[in-house]
Amino acid sequence: MRILVVAAALYDATGRVLIAQRPPGKHMAGRWEFPGGKVGAGEAERDALGRELAEELGIEVHAAEPLMRLTHTYSDREVELSLWIVERYRGEPAALDGQALKWVAPAQLACEDLLEADRPFVAALAARHAPA
């Protein structure tokens, strides 16, 4: 069974990216990931992204663009991940789901204990911010 998930690369004013720690009781609790969640049946990815970020972080997404898509197989499930760059949002991200949040410079993301499915996004985001 494949689960479709949207994830957000959300930036602060200094260019750091927000990551969230999976709360206790969730699959792979304690590991870090890009915020987001499952896309509902019949729901557009952009709509799911806005809904998930409102539920988890209390922010309102105003502009977002898809960056990349991948499929990752864990021992117990397969996820199809769609990473979006959130270009504009309103509000200050807050941990509404009981998760820890951390702002990280794109070049430092590789040092974090991110889920395996999110690791390819790290290289894509670092390349996006590398000096020309």
C-alpha atoms as a PDB file:
ATOM      1  CA  MET A   1       0.000   0.000   0.000  1.00  0.00           C
ATOM      2  CA  ARG A   2       1.404   3.370  -1.014  1.00  0.00           C
ATOM      3  CA  ILE A   3       0.733   6.442   1.127  1.00  0.00           C
ATOM      4  CA  LEU A   4       0.829   9.860  -0.578  1.00  0.00           C
ATOM      5  CA  VAL A   5       2.426  12.507   1.641  1.00  0.00           C
ATOM      6  CA  VAL A   6       3.139  16.207   1.143  1.00  0.00           C
ATOM      7  CA  ALA A   7       6.088  17.831   2.888  1.00  0.00           C
ATOM      8  CA  ALA A   8       7.081  21.479   3.208  1.00  0.00           C
ATOM      9  CA  ALA A   9      10.374  23.293   2.999  1.00  0.00           C
ATOM     10  CA  LEU A  10       9.405  26.296   5.092  1.00  0.00           C
ATOM     11  CA  TYR A  11      11.957  29.084   5.509  1.00  0.00           C
ATOM     12  CA  ASP A  12      12.440  31.779   8.122  1.00  0.00           C
ATOM     13  CA  ALA A  13      13.729  35.298   7.410  1.00  0.00           C
ATOM     14  CA  THR A  14      17.370  34.143   7.695  1.00  0.00           C
ATOM     15  CA  GLY A  15      16.958  31.282   5.183  1.00  0.00           C
ATOM     16  CA  ARG A  16      16.816  28.422   7.673  1.00  0.00           C
ATOM     17  CA  VAL A  17      14.460  25.492   7.026  1.00  0.00           C
ATOM     18  CA  LEU A  18      11.966  24.181   9.598  1.00  0.00           C
ATOM     19  CA  ILE A  19      12.068  20.512  10.587  1.00  0.00           C
ATOM     20  CA  ALA A  20       9.804  18.722  13.050  1.00  0.00           C
ATOM     21  CA  GLN A  21      10.442  15.791  15.361  1.00  0.00           C
ATOM     22  CA  ARG A  22       7.932  12.951  15.143  1.00  0.00           C
ATOM     23  CA  PRO A  23       6.056  12.856  18.467  1.00  0.00           C
ATOM     24  CA  PRO A  24       5.846   9.797  20.750  1.00  0.00           C
ATOM     25  CA  GLY A  25       3.301   7.236  19.598  1.00  0.00           C
ATOM     26  CA  LYS A  26       3.792   7.955  15.877  1.00  0.00           C
ATOM     27  CA  HIS A  27       5.616   5.724  13.395  1.00  0.00           C
ATOM     28  CA  MET A  28       9.383   6.395  13.737  1.00  0.00           C
ATOM     29  CA  ALA A  29       8.886   8.682  16.764  1.00  0.00           C
ATOM     30  CA  GLY A  30      11.880  10.810  17.711  1.00  0.00           C
ATOM     31  CA  ARG A  31      13.208  11.131  14.156  1.00  0.00           C
ATOM     32  CA  TRP A  32      13.108  14.454  12.284  1.00  0.00           C
ATOM     33  CA  GLU A  33      11.190  15.274   9.110  1.00  0.00           C
ATOM     34  CA  PHE A  34       9.925  18.123   7.003  1.00  0.00           C
ATOM     35  CA  PRO A  35       6.457  19.166   8.230  1.00  0.00           C
ATOM     36  CA  GLY A  36       3.444  17.914   6.306  1.00  0.00           C
ATOM     37  CA  GLY A  37       1.283  14.829   6.189  1.00  0.00           C
ATOM     38  CA  LYS A  38      -0.975  12.485   4.310  1.00  0.00           C
ATOM     39  CA  VAL A  39      -3.032  13.600   1.331  1.00  0.00           C
ATOM     40  CA  GLY A  40      -6.687  12.683   1.790  1.00  0.00           C
ATOM     41  CA  ALA A  41      -8.716  10.761  -0.794  1.00  0.00           C
ATOM     42  CA  GLY A  42      -9.662  13.139  -3.609  1.00  0.00           C
ATOM     43  CA  GLU A  43      -7.656  15.991  -2.037  1.00  0.00           C
ATOM     44  CA  ALA A  44      -5.266  18.070  -4.174  1.00  0.00           C
ATOM     45  CA  GLU A  45      -1.666  18.072  -2.940  1.00  0.00           C
ATOM     46  CA  ARG A  46      -1.600  21.869  -2.545  1.00  0.00           C
ATOM     47  CA  ASP A  47      -4.791  21.722  -0.480  1.00  0.00           C
ATOM     48  CA  ALA A  48      -3.364  18.941   1.702  1.00  0.00           C
ATOM     49  CA  LEU A  49      -0.198  20.979   2.244  1.00  0.00           C
ATOM     50  CA  GLY A  50      -2.201  23.997   3.425  1.00  0.00           C
ATOM     51  CA  ARG A  51      -4.417  21.862   5.668  1.00  0.00           C
ATOM     52  CA  GLU A  52      -1.516  19.950   7.235  1.00  0.00           C
ATOM     53  CA  LEU A  53       0.545  23.082   7.933  1.00  0.00           C
ATOM     54  CA  ALA A  54      -2.481  24.813   9.452  1.00  0.00           C
ATOM     55  CA  GLU A  55      -3.151  21.769  11.702  1.00  0.00           C
ATOM     56  CA  GLU A  56       0.476  21.103  12.694  1.00  0.00           C
ATOM     57  CA  LEU A  57       1.979  24.597  12.754  1.00  0.00           C
ATOM     58  CA  GLY A  58      -0.920  27.066  12.816  1.00  0.00           C
ATOM     59  CA  ILE A  59       0.211  28.886   9.676  1.00  0.00           C
ATOM     60  CA  GLU A  60      -1.644  29.871   6.523  1.00  0.00           C
ATOM     61  CA  VAL A  61       0.151  29.062   3.267  1.00  0.00           C
ATOM     62  CA  HIS A  62      -0.132  31.828   0.656  1.00  0.00           C
ATOM     63  CA  ALA A  63       2.284  30.575  -2.027  1.00  0.00           C
ATOM     64  CA  ALA A  64       3.918  27.177  -2.559  1.00  0.00           C
ATOM     65  CA  GLU A  65       5.592  25.405  -5.479  1.00  0.00           C
ATOM     66  CA  PRO A  66       6.347  21.686  -5.870  1.00  0.00           C
ATOM     67  CA  LEU A  67      10.102  20.981  -5.900  1.00  0.00           C
ATOM     68  CA  MET A  68      10.484  17.211  -6.198  1.00  0.00           C
ATOM     69  CA  ARG A  69       8.756  13.884  -5.772  1.00  0.00           C
ATOM     70  CA  LEU A  70      10.073  10.496  -4.727  1.00  0.00           C
ATOM     71  CA  THR A  71       8.965   7.098  -3.509  1.00  0.00           C
ATOM     72  CA  HIS A  72      10.532   5.420  -0.483  1.00  0.00           C
ATOM     73  CA  THR A  73       9.940   1.904   0.802  1.00  0.00           C
ATOM     74  CA  TYR A  74      10.184   1.236   4.529  1.00  0.00           C
ATOM     75  CA  SER A  75       9.954  -2.303   5.917  1.00  0.00           C
ATOM     76  CA  ASP A  76       6.245  -1.856   6.672  1.00  0.00           C
ATOM     77  CA  ARG A  77       5.025   0.742   4.153  1.00  0.00           C
ATOM     78  CA  GLU A  78       5.728   2.631   0.955  1.00  0.00           C
ATOM     79  CA  VAL A  79       5.425   6.401   0.858  1.00  0.00           C
ATOM     80  CA  GLU A  80       5.238   8.712  -2.117  1.00  0.00           C
ATOM     81  CA  LEU A  81       6.561  12.068  -0.974  1.00  0.00           C
ATOM     82  CA  SER A  82       5.973  15.390  -2.662  1.00  0.00           C
ATOM     83  CA  LEU A  83       8.218  18.198  -1.359  1.00  0.00           C
ATOM     84  CA  TRP A  84       6.918  21.751  -1.737  1.00  0.00           C
ATOM     85  CA  ILE A  85       8.771  25.028  -1.268  1.00  0.00           C
ATOM     86  CA  VAL A  86       6.543  27.318   0.791  1.00  0.00           C
ATOM     87  CA  GLU A  87       7.333  30.759  -0.580  1.00  0.00           C
ATOM     88  CA  ARG A  88       4.925  32.841   1.483  1.00  0.00           C
ATOM     89  CA  TYR A  89       2.935  32.129   4.615  1.00  0.00           C
ATOM     90  CA  ARG A  90       1.197  34.002   7.397  1.00  0.00           C
ATOM     91  CA  GLY A  91       1.712  33.316  11.085  1.00  0.00           C
ATOM     92  CA  GLU A  92       4.527  32.046  13.253  1.00  0.00           C
ATOM     93  CA  PRO A  93       5.019  28.254  13.160  1.00  0.00           C
ATOM     94  CA  ALA A  94       4.100  26.647  16.493  1.00  0.00           C
ATOM     95  CA  ALA A  95       4.199  23.007  17.642  1.00  0.00           C
ATOM     96  CA  LEU A  96       0.450  22.290  17.689  1.00  0.00           C
ATOM     97  CA  ASP A  97       0.905  18.504  17.355  1.00  0.00           C
ATOM     98  CA  GLY A  98       3.159  18.070  20.404  1.00  0.00           C
ATOM     99  CA  GLN A  99       6.241  17.867  18.179  1.00  0.00           C
ATOM    100  CA  ALA A 100       9.585  19.605  18.682  1.00  0.00           C
ATOM    101  CA  LEU A 101      10.478  22.138  15.975  1.00  0.00           C
ATOM    102  CA  LYS A 102      13.918  23.307  14.880  1.00  0.00           C
ATOM    103  CA  TRP A 103      15.173  25.829  12.308  1.00  0.00           C
ATOM    104  CA  VAL A 104      18.249  24.528  10.447  1.00  0.00           C
ATOM    105  CA  ALA A 105      20.499  26.074   7.792  1.00  0.00           C
ATOM    106  CA  PRO A 106      20.064  24.125   4.508  1.00  0.00           C
ATOM    107  CA  ALA A 107      23.773  23.216   4.508  1.00  0.00           C
ATOM    108  CA  GLN A 108      23.379  21.658   7.989  1.00  0.00           C
ATOM    109  CA  LEU A 109      20.339  19.481   7.220  1.00  0.00           C
ATOM    110  CA  ALA A 110      22.560  16.488   6.408  1.00  0.00           C
ATOM    111  CA  CYS A 111      23.736  16.480  10.056  1.00  0.00           C
ATOM    112  CA  GLU A 112      20.183  15.993  11.388  1.00  0.00           C
ATOM    113  CA  ASP A 113      18.547  12.608  12.128  1.00  0.00           C
ATOM    114  CA  LEU A 114      16.048  12.944   9.279  1.00  0.00           C
ATOM    115  CA  LEU A 115      13.846  10.096   8.090  1.00  0.00           C
ATOM    116  CA  GLU A 116      15.398   8.121   5.241  1.00  0.00           C
ATOM    117  CA  ALA A 117      12.552   9.151   2.922  1.00  0.00           C
ATOM    118  CA  ASP A 118      13.423  12.842   3.479  1.00  0.00           C
ATOM    119  CA  ARG A 119      17.185  12.484   2.877  1.00  0.00           C
ATOM    120  CA  PRO A 120      17.074  13.104  -0.926  1.00  0.00           C
ATOM    121  CA  PHE A 121      15.350  16.425  -0.211  1.00  0.00           C
ATOM    122  CA  VAL A 122      18.389  17.546   1.793  1.00  0.00           C
ATOM    123  CA  ALA A 123      20.665  17.474  -1.255  1.00  0.00           C
ATOM    124  CA  ALA A 124      18.040  19.198  -3.405  1.00  0.00           C
ATOM    125  CA  LEU A 125      17.583  22.013  -0.872  1.00  0.00           C
ATOM    126  CA  ALA A 126      21.330  22.421  -0.315  1.00  0.00           C
ATOM    127  CA  ALA A 127      21.884  22.646  -4.106  1.00  0.00           C
ATOM    128  CA  ARG A 128      19.107  25.221  -4.350  1.00  0.00           C
ATOM    129  CA  HIS A 129      20.973  27.445  -1.882  1.00  0.00           C
ATOM    130  CA  ALA A 130      24.551  26.825  -2.975  1.00  0.00           C
ATOM    131  CA  PRO A 131      26.435  29.928  -4.105  1.00  0.00           C
ATOM    132  CA  ALA A 132      26.601  30.227  -7.901  1.00  0.00           C
END
